[in-house]
Every structure is written in C-alpha cells, then in structure tokens.
Protein backbone atom coordinates (compact mmCIF):
# COMPACT_ATOMS: atom_id res chain seq x y z
CA MET A 1 65.09 117.11 -127.89
CA ILE A 2 63.31 120.05 -126.34
CA ASN A 3 59.56 120.07 -125.73
CA GLU A 4 58.93 122.79 -128.29
CA VAL A 5 60.28 120.49 -131.03
CA ARG A 6 58.42 117.47 -129.62
CA TRP A 7 55.22 119.52 -129.64
CA ARG A 8 55.71 120.66 -133.27
CA ARG A 9 56.24 117.02 -134.27
CA LYS A 10 53.14 116.01 -132.30
CA ILE A 11 55.15 113.79 -129.96
CA THR A 12 53.86 115.62 -126.88
CA TYR A 13 50.80 117.68 -125.99
CA ASN A 14 52.70 120.18 -123.89
CA PRO A 15 55.44 122.48 -125.25
CA CYS A 16 56.25 123.83 -121.78
CA CYS A 17 59.38 123.15 -119.77
CA SER A 18 59.10 120.01 -117.66
CA HIS A 19 61.12 121.63 -114.84
CA CYS A 20 59.37 124.96 -114.32
CA LEU A 21 56.09 124.11 -116.12
CA THR A 22 55.46 127.73 -117.11
CA ASP A 23 57.61 128.72 -120.08
CA LEU A 24 57.86 127.32 -123.57
CA GLU A 25 60.86 125.00 -123.60
CA THR A 26 63.09 126.49 -126.28
CA ILE A 27 66.81 125.85 -126.63
CA ILE A 28 67.76 129.00 -124.74
CA HIS A 29 65.20 128.30 -122.03
CA ALA A 30 66.46 124.76 -121.48
CA LEU A 31 70.15 125.70 -121.44
CA ARG A 32 70.11 129.14 -119.81
CA ASP A 33 66.80 130.71 -118.76
CA CYS A 34 64.99 127.96 -116.87
CA PRO A 35 65.35 128.37 -113.09
CA ASN A 36 66.91 124.90 -113.06
CA ALA A 37 69.58 125.99 -115.56
CA ARG A 38 70.09 129.37 -113.90
CA GLY A 39 70.96 127.62 -110.67
CA VAL A 40 73.90 125.95 -112.38
CA TRP A 41 75.05 129.10 -114.23
CA ASP A 42 74.70 131.28 -111.13
CA ARG A 43 77.22 129.04 -109.34
CA ILE A 44 79.71 129.62 -112.17
CA ILE A 45 79.09 133.23 -113.26
CA GLU A 46 80.06 136.11 -110.97
CA VAL A 47 77.17 138.41 -109.96
CA ALA A 48 78.72 141.38 -111.81
CA ASP A 49 78.81 139.41 -115.08
CA ARG A 50 75.33 137.88 -115.02
CA GLU A 51 73.54 140.67 -116.89
CA ALA A 52 75.86 140.28 -119.88
CA PHE A 53 75.66 136.49 -119.68
CA TYR A 54 71.85 136.32 -119.66
CA SER A 55 71.11 139.11 -122.16
CA LEU A 56 72.13 137.64 -125.54
CA ASN A 57 70.02 135.65 -128.00
CA TRP A 58 70.76 131.93 -127.96
CA TYR A 59 73.02 131.80 -131.03
CA THR A 60 75.21 134.73 -130.03
CA TRP A 61 75.29 133.49 -126.44
CA LEU A 62 76.44 130.04 -127.51
CA LEU A 63 79.12 131.24 -129.95
CA ASN A 64 80.47 133.97 -127.67
CA ASN A 65 80.82 131.61 -124.75
CA LEU A 66 82.42 128.82 -126.74
CA ARG A 67 84.85 131.32 -128.27
CA GLY A 68 85.50 133.05 -124.95
CA ASN A 69 84.20 136.49 -126.03
CA HIS A 70 82.84 137.60 -122.64
CA PRO A 71 84.45 139.41 -119.70
CA PHE A 72 83.92 136.42 -117.41
CA SER A 73 85.56 134.18 -119.95
CA LYS A 74 88.99 135.53 -118.96
CA ARG A 75 89.14 132.38 -116.91
CA LYS A 76 91.67 130.12 -118.49
CA LEU A 77 89.39 127.18 -119.27
CA TRP A 78 86.08 129.03 -119.82
CA GLY A 79 85.26 127.28 -123.12
CA LEU A 80 85.69 123.93 -121.40
CA GLU A 81 83.64 124.97 -118.35
CA PHE A 82 80.93 126.36 -120.62
CA GLY A 83 80.84 123.19 -122.68
CA ILE A 84 80.53 120.95 -119.62
CA ALA A 85 77.87 122.96 -117.75
CA PRO A 86 74.94 121.79 -119.95
CA TRP A 87 75.65 118.21 -118.86
CA GLN A 88 75.08 119.31 -115.27
CA ILE A 89 71.88 121.04 -116.32
C-alpha cells in the first residue's frame, strides 16, 4: 500500500515517499518516478527511449508496457521484464 492511501485512511501522518521524502507517494511515483525506481528503470531502458517511457500517465504507462506497445518493448520478453522490475524496486 502506498503512503498516499495510508494517509487517506489515517494509517500514517505523512503521505510522502519514504525513499525520497519529498514527493507524494502515488502509484506512479512509487513504481516509476521516485529516484529509487528510476535507478532500476534507467538500467533497463535505453537513453533514447526514456522520454517516451517516463511521459505517460500511470494507467496508460502500465497497460502499454504490459502489452508491449512501446518502441523499447521490441525486446522479446519486454512484458516479462516489465512485470518483474517492480519487485526489484
């Protein structure tokens, strides 16, 4: 459960990310935009493809990557790689 949800349910007093301590911890922040998460994605995503990867809203980003609808997803097992990366994060 992300801190934003914990905060709305009054389980925590701080809705911010516990890794970077500055941004609201939303789903997209936790899985993609937090510096901690970006470190993982930047090892997987080529520099030329990062703008497209980081620019979508969370729902479109998730569906497109799971379906393999991105240029960098030409890699044979991209859906599998994408599905496993959050465990590393």
